[in-house]
């Protein structure tokens, strides 16, 4: 970027072999009560700061009395050094006036992510594979499991593995041990088939978003053993749902879903095999959308800005 000590080139004039410039300098995420003038105020502020908007998505839940959501990316000289100053100025000039919840995330700012898992490995291994390929904008700082089975899958990837058993009648102690490991150290937690219900107290004290993959197309077949129940019901489609975790079992805001057509002749085991493929893809999509700041929670649902 100009002003950062790096050489810049006109668009389309980069010499062969030169590193590509960052596609943006920062993202601005906004949620606020909807009213006229929001877009003009935001774009005017960025213009006055010398920023150029390169991507923008917006949505209003209702033009009268609804909420307004915006995700925009912009290029601006002097980043990331100017980030703190920019955030303070935006809060004073725009954010307070429109009662905005907002966040500015700099390019290259990677979220710290922990994965919780039990014995099923398909979602965990898929996330590790995508992370090592650079497909997830995160640093996986830890994998925590109530079993020791998957250590050999994790440690060769250079990720610390923590075994925190959940003994019968001692779940509060296990949750406290996980809080000691994670609180203040992570920005998001992913449940990659973690087969324990997290308490509302744990979620509140952890204080970061938690993403779960449920092996069913919610709200159908919430809870345990959905493939068996789906077969008994004679469904023609099975699916998986990635959602944010709340105190309500499998009731949090949905981020991503997908389905696959099945036949009456398939056993519950065969349905589960099909479902595992859906689960890992749906979870990976949801995690990528969250890390890319494309998901904004609006009450019991989410606003997801695609592409």
Protein backbone atom coordinates (compact mmCIF):
# COMPACT_ATOMS: atom_id res chain seq x y z
CA UNK A 1 0.00 0.00 0.00
CA UNK A 2 1.17 3.57 -0.67
CA UNK A 3 2.59 5.14 2.45
CA UNK A 4 3.52 1.79 3.98
CA UNK A 5 6.98 1.61 2.46
CA UNK A 6 5.91 -0.91 -0.16
CA UNK A 7 6.10 -0.35 -3.91
CA UNK A 8 2.71 0.00 -5.57
CA UNK A 9 1.77 -0.31 -9.24
CA UNK A 10 -1.17 0.92 -11.29
CA UNK A 11 -3.92 -1.66 -11.72
CA UNK A 12 -2.90 -4.19 -14.33
CA UNK A 13 0.71 -2.96 -14.41
CA UNK A 14 2.34 -5.24 -11.86
CA UNK A 15 5.55 -6.74 -13.23
CA UNK A 16 5.67 -10.48 -13.76
CA UNK A 17 6.42 -12.29 -10.54
CA UNK A 18 5.48 -9.36 -8.29
CA UNK A 19 3.38 -10.28 -5.25
CA UNK A 20 -0.31 -9.47 -5.62
CA UNK A 21 -1.44 -6.49 -3.54
CA UNK A 22 -3.95 -7.21 -0.75
CA UNK A 23 -7.53 -7.21 -2.11
CA UNK A 24 -8.62 -4.85 0.67
CA UNK A 25 -7.21 -3.02 3.69
CA UNK A 26 -10.00 -3.66 6.17
CA UNK A 27 -13.59 -4.81 6.56
CA UNK A 28 -16.34 -2.84 8.24
CA UNK A 29 -19.29 -4.77 9.69
CA UNK A 30 -22.39 -2.92 10.88
CA UNK A 31 -25.71 -3.74 12.51
CA UNK A 32 -28.12 -1.00 13.62
CA UNK A 33 -31.74 0.17 13.55
CA UNK A 34 -32.71 0.95 9.97
CA UNK A 35 -33.24 4.59 9.01
CA UNK A 36 -32.47 6.83 6.04
CA UNK A 37 -28.94 8.06 5.53
CA UNK A 38 -26.89 5.12 6.83
CA UNK A 39 -25.20 4.21 3.56
CA UNK A 40 -24.52 7.85 2.75
CA UNK A 41 -22.97 8.43 6.17
CA UNK A 42 -20.75 5.35 5.98
CA UNK A 43 -19.59 5.93 2.41
CA UNK A 44 -19.06 9.64 3.10
CA UNK A 45 -16.94 8.88 6.15
CA UNK A 46 -14.78 6.42 4.24
CA UNK A 47 -14.39 8.90 1.36
CA UNK A 48 -13.24 11.61 3.78
CA UNK A 49 -10.66 9.16 5.17
CA UNK A 50 -9.28 8.55 1.68
CA UNK A 51 -10.68 5.01 1.46
CA UNK A 52 -11.96 3.32 -1.68
CA UNK A 53 -14.82 0.82 -1.23
CA UNK A 54 -14.12 -2.35 -3.23
CA UNK A 55 -16.94 -4.59 -1.98
CA UNK A 56 -20.26 -3.89 -0.25
CA UNK A 57 -23.27 -5.95 0.81
CA UNK A 58 -26.26 -4.66 2.72
CA UNK A 59 -29.63 -5.89 3.97
CA UNK A 60 -32.61 -4.42 5.80
CA UNK A 61 -34.91 -6.75 7.71
CA UNK A 62 -37.75 -4.23 7.34
CA UNK A 63 -37.73 -0.75 5.86
CA UNK A 64 -39.95 0.43 8.73
CA UNK A 65 -38.74 -0.50 12.18
CA UNK A 66 -36.28 -3.15 11.01
CA UNK A 67 -32.54 -3.55 11.39
CA UNK A 68 -29.89 -2.69 8.83
CA UNK A 69 -26.78 -4.79 8.20
CA UNK A 70 -23.72 -3.90 6.14
CA UNK A 71 -20.47 -5.63 5.24
CA UNK A 72 -18.01 -3.57 3.26
CA UNK A 73 -14.35 -3.92 2.29
CA UNK A 74 -12.20 -0.94 1.47
CA UNK A 75 -8.66 -0.02 0.48
CA UNK A 76 -6.97 2.77 2.42
CA UNK A 77 -3.38 3.96 2.74
CA UNK A 78 -1.70 3.71 6.11
CA UNK A 79 -3.34 0.51 7.29
CA UNK A 80 -3.03 -1.28 9.62
CA UNK A 81 -1.36 1.55 11.58
CA UNK A 82 -4.43 3.75 11.23
CA UNK A 83 -6.91 1.09 12.36
CA UNK A 84 -7.34 2.25 15.96
CA UNK A 85 -7.66 5.90 14.94
CA UNK A 86 -10.15 4.96 12.22
CA UNK A 87 -12.30 2.99 14.68
CA UNK A 88 -12.40 5.87 17.17
CA UNK A 89 -13.27 8.40 14.48
CA UNK A 90 -16.01 6.18 13.05
CA UNK A 91 -17.55 5.68 16.49
CA UNK A 92 -17.57 9.42 17.14
CA UNK A 93 -18.79 10.58 13.74
CA UNK A 94 -21.09 7.78 12.55
CA UNK A 95 -21.48 4.85 14.92
CA UNK A 96 -22.96 6.75 17.85
CA UNK A 97 -25.32 8.78 15.67
CA UNK A 98 -26.89 5.65 14.18
CA UNK A 99 -26.70 3.42 17.30
CA UNK A 100 -24.41 1.02 15.47
CA UNK A 101 -22.83 -2.18 16.60
CA UNK A 102 -19.77 -2.25 14.39
CA UNK A 103 -16.39 -3.90 13.96
CA UNK A 104 -13.37 -3.08 11.81
CA UNK A 105 -11.13 -6.03 10.98
CA UNK A 106 -7.82 -5.46 9.22
CA UNK A 107 -6.67 -7.55 6.26
CA UNK A 108 -4.64 -10.51 7.43
CA UNK A 109 -6.05 -10.38 10.97
CA UNK A 110 -6.66 -14.06 11.65
CA UNK A 111 -9.06 -15.28 14.32
CA UNK A 112 -7.86 -17.76 16.93
CA UNK A 113 -9.91 -20.93 16.68
CA UNK A 114 -10.24 -23.99 18.90
CA UNK A 115 -11.92 -27.25 17.89
CA UNK A 116 -13.83 -29.51 20.26
CA UNK A 117 -14.26 -33.13 19.16
CA UNK A 118 -15.13 -36.53 20.60
CA UNK A 119 -14.39 -39.73 18.64
CA UNK A 120 -15.75 -39.06 15.14
CA UNK A 121 -12.85 -37.73 13.07
CA UNK A 122 -14.33 -36.74 9.69
CA UNK A 123 -15.13 -33.08 10.47
CA UNK A 124 -11.92 -32.55 12.45
CA UNK A 125 -9.66 -34.01 9.76
CA UNK A 126 -11.43 -32.00 7.06
CA UNK A 127 -10.96 -28.73 8.97
CA UNK A 128 -7.29 -29.47 9.62
CA UNK A 129 -6.77 -30.27 5.94
CA UNK A 130 -8.44 -27.04 4.79
CA UNK A 131 -6.53 -25.03 7.39
CA UNK A 132 -3.18 -26.41 6.25
CA UNK A 133 -4.09 -25.49 2.66
CA UNK A 134 -4.78 -21.90 3.71
CA UNK A 135 -8.52 -22.10 3.07
CA UNK A 136 -9.54 -20.93 6.56
CA UNK A 137 -8.67 -17.43 7.80
CA UNK A 138 -7.78 -18.62 11.29
CA UNK A 139 -5.07 -19.95 13.52
CA UNK A 140 -6.11 -23.25 15.05
CA UNK A 141 -4.62 -22.89 18.51
CA UNK A 142 -5.96 -26.06 20.15
CA UNK A 143 -8.04 -29.19 19.78
CA UNK A 144 -9.87 -30.29 22.93
CA UNK A 145 -11.47 -33.72 23.26
CA UNK A 146 -13.20 -35.73 25.92
CA UNK A 147 -11.35 -38.76 24.53
CA UNK A 148 -7.69 -39.32 23.66
CA UNK A 149 -8.42 -41.21 20.43
CA UNK A 150 -7.62 -38.47 17.88
CA UNK A 151 -4.31 -37.19 19.22
CA UNK A 152 -2.41 -38.83 16.35
CA UNK A 153 -4.53 -36.92 13.81
CA UNK A 154 -3.89 -33.55 15.44
CA UNK A 155 -0.35 -33.29 16.72
CA UNK A 156 1.36 -34.03 13.36
CA UNK A 157 -0.46 -30.93 12.06
CA UNK A 158 1.36 -28.85 14.68
CA UNK A 159 -1.73 -28.25 16.82
CA UNK A 160 -1.83 -28.80 20.58
CA UNK A 161 -4.18 -31.58 21.70
CA UNK A 162 -5.86 -31.41 25.11
CA UNK A 163 -7.63 -34.41 26.62
CA UNK A 164 -10.35 -33.24 29.01
CA UNK A 165 -12.45 -36.25 30.04
CA UNK A 166 -16.08 -35.70 31.04
CA UNK A 167 -16.65 -38.13 33.87
CA UNK A 168 -20.17 -38.99 34.98
CA UNK A 169 -21.37 -36.50 37.57
CA UNK A 170 -18.32 -34.25 37.07
CA UNK A 171 -19.29 -32.22 34.02
CA UNK A 172 -18.88 -28.84 35.80
CA UNK A 173 -15.25 -29.71 36.54
CA UNK A 174 -14.66 -30.65 32.90
CA UNK A 175 -16.21 -27.41 31.66
CA UNK A 176 -14.06 -25.43 34.09
CA UNK A 177 -10.96 -27.20 32.78
CA UNK A 178 -11.93 -26.24 29.23
CA UNK A 179 -12.57 -22.65 30.28
CA UNK A 180 -9.11 -22.54 31.83
CA UNK A 181 -7.68 -23.59 28.47
CA UNK A 182 -9.81 -21.46 26.16
CA UNK A 183 -11.13 -18.32 27.84
CA UNK A 184 -9.23 -15.29 26.59
CA UNK A 185 -7.18 -17.44 24.20
CA UNK A 186 -9.67 -17.96 21.34
CA UNK A 187 -12.03 -15.89 19.18
CA UNK A 188 -14.26 -18.75 18.03
CA UNK A 189 -14.84 -22.40 19.01
CA UNK A 190 -15.96 -25.10 16.58
CA UNK A 191 -17.70 -28.29 17.68
CA UNK A 192 -16.59 -30.91 15.14
CA UNK A 193 -18.93 -33.63 16.42
CA UNK A 194 -18.31 -32.95 20.09
CA UNK A 195 -20.82 -35.29 21.68
CA UNK A 196 -21.38 -33.36 24.88
CA UNK A 197 -24.01 -30.71 25.63
CA UNK A 198 -22.39 -27.45 26.72
CA UNK A 199 -24.12 -25.65 29.56
CA UNK A 200 -25.44 -22.13 29.27
CA UNK A 201 -23.04 -21.10 32.03
CA UNK A 202 -20.08 -22.41 30.03
CA UNK A 203 -21.18 -20.56 26.89
CA UNK A 204 -21.70 -17.32 28.79
CA UNK A 205 -18.35 -17.49 30.56
CA UNK A 206 -16.50 -18.48 27.38
CA UNK A 207 -17.83 -15.35 25.70
CA UNK A 208 -17.06 -16.15 22.05
CA UNK A 209 -19.14 -17.60 19.20
CA UNK A 210 -19.44 -21.39 19.19
CA UNK A 211 -20.31 -23.19 15.93
CA UNK A 212 -21.80 -26.69 15.94
CA UNK A 213 -22.49 -29.24 13.22
CA UNK A 214 -25.68 -31.20 13.76
CA UNK A 215 -26.17 -34.36 11.74
CA UNK A 216 -29.69 -33.47 10.68
CA UNK A 217 -31.50 -30.84 8.60
CA UNK A 218 -32.73 -28.84 11.58
CA UNK A 219 -35.30 -28.25 12.93
CA UNK A 220 -36.07 -31.89 12.03
CA UNK A 221 -34.59 -34.62 14.27
CA UNK A 222 -32.91 -32.42 16.84
CA UNK A 223 -31.01 -34.28 19.54
CA UNK A 224 -29.42 -37.71 19.41
CA UNK A 225 -29.54 -40.52 16.82
CA UNK A 226 -31.09 -38.55 13.94
CA UNK A 227 -30.17 -41.01 11.17
CA UNK A 228 -32.06 -43.86 12.78
CA UNK A 229 -35.05 -41.63 13.40
CA UNK A 230 -34.88 -40.28 9.85
CA UNK A 231 -34.95 -43.79 8.40
CA UNK A 232 -37.87 -44.75 10.62
CA UNK A 233 -39.72 -41.68 9.37
CA UNK A 234 -38.98 -42.64 5.76
CA UNK A 235 -37.39 -39.35 4.75
CA UNK A 236 -36.26 -38.89 1.15
CA UNK A 237 -33.67 -36.25 2.00
CA UNK A 238 -31.09 -36.21 4.77
CA UNK A 239 -28.96 -33.25 5.64
CA UNK A 240 -26.72 -31.44 8.07
CA UNK A 241 -26.96 -28.08 9.77
CA UNK A 242 -24.22 -25.80 11.08
CA UNK A 243 -25.45 -23.31 13.66
CA UNK A 244 -24.32 -21.11 16.48
CA UNK A 245 -24.65 -22.76 19.86
CA UNK A 246 -27.05 -21.38 22.46
CA UNK A 247 -28.41 -22.77 25.71
CA UNK A 248 -31.32 -24.26 23.70
CA UNK A 249 -30.28 -27.69 22.40
CA UNK A 250 -29.70 -27.51 18.62
CA UNK A 251 -31.76 -24.31 18.55
CA UNK A 252 -29.18 -21.64 17.76
CA UNK A 253 -29.16 -19.41 14.66
CA UNK A 254 -28.49 -21.44 11.51
CA UNK A 255 -25.45 -20.57 9.37
CA UNK A 256 -25.38 -23.24 6.65
CA UNK A 257 -27.30 -26.36 5.57
CA UNK A 258 -27.25 -28.95 2.80
CA UNK A 259 -29.09 -32.14 1.86
CA UNK A 260 -28.65 -35.34 -0.15
CA UNK A 261 -31.41 -37.48 -1.64
CA UNK A 262 -31.67 -40.99 -0.19
CA UNK A 263 -33.75 -44.11 -0.83
CA UNK A 264 -36.00 -46.26 1.35
CA UNK A 265 -33.70 -49.24 0.86
CA UNK A 266 -30.73 -47.59 2.58
CA UNK A 267 -30.00 -48.64 6.15
CA UNK A 268 -29.37 -46.25 9.01
CA UNK A 269 -25.67 -47.05 8.69
CA UNK A 270 -25.71 -46.16 4.99
CA UNK A 271 -27.57 -42.94 5.74
CA UNK A 272 -24.93 -42.09 8.32
CA UNK A 273 -22.16 -42.66 5.76
CA UNK A 274 -23.85 -40.28 3.32
CA UNK A 275 -24.44 -37.86 6.16
CA UNK A 276 -20.79 -37.72 7.19
CA UNK A 277 -19.87 -36.24 3.82
CA UNK A 278 -22.59 -33.61 4.15
CA UNK A 279 -21.55 -32.80 7.70
CA UNK A 280 -17.93 -32.06 6.94
CA UNK A 281 -18.75 -29.87 3.92
CA UNK A 282 -21.49 -27.93 5.69
CA UNK A 283 -19.30 -27.32 8.75
CA UNK A 284 -16.37 -26.18 6.62
CA UNK A 285 -18.61 -23.75 4.73
CA UNK A 286 -20.04 -22.35 7.95
CA UNK A 287 -16.63 -21.90 9.55
CA UNK A 288 -15.29 -20.19 6.41
CA UNK A 289 -18.30 -17.86 6.26
CA UNK A 290 -17.83 -16.92 9.91
CA UNK A 291 -14.10 -16.34 9.56
CA UNK A 292 -14.73 -14.25 6.44
CA UNK A 293 -17.09 -12.02 8.47
CA UNK A 294 -20.04 -12.90 6.25
CA UNK A 295 -22.41 -13.91 9.07
CA UNK A 296 -24.31 -11.47 11.29
CA UNK A 297 -26.72 -12.77 13.92
CA UNK A 298 -30.17 -11.17 13.89
CA UNK A 299 -32.09 -12.59 16.83
CA UNK A 300 -32.92 -16.24 16.15
CA UNK A 301 -31.59 -16.18 12.58
CA UNK A 302 -28.52 -15.10 10.66
CA UNK A 303 -27.83 -12.72 7.80
CA UNK A 304 -25.28 -14.42 5.53
CA UNK A 305 -23.64 -12.32 2.81
CA UNK A 306 -22.49 -14.70 0.07
CA UNK A 307 -19.83 -13.93 -2.53
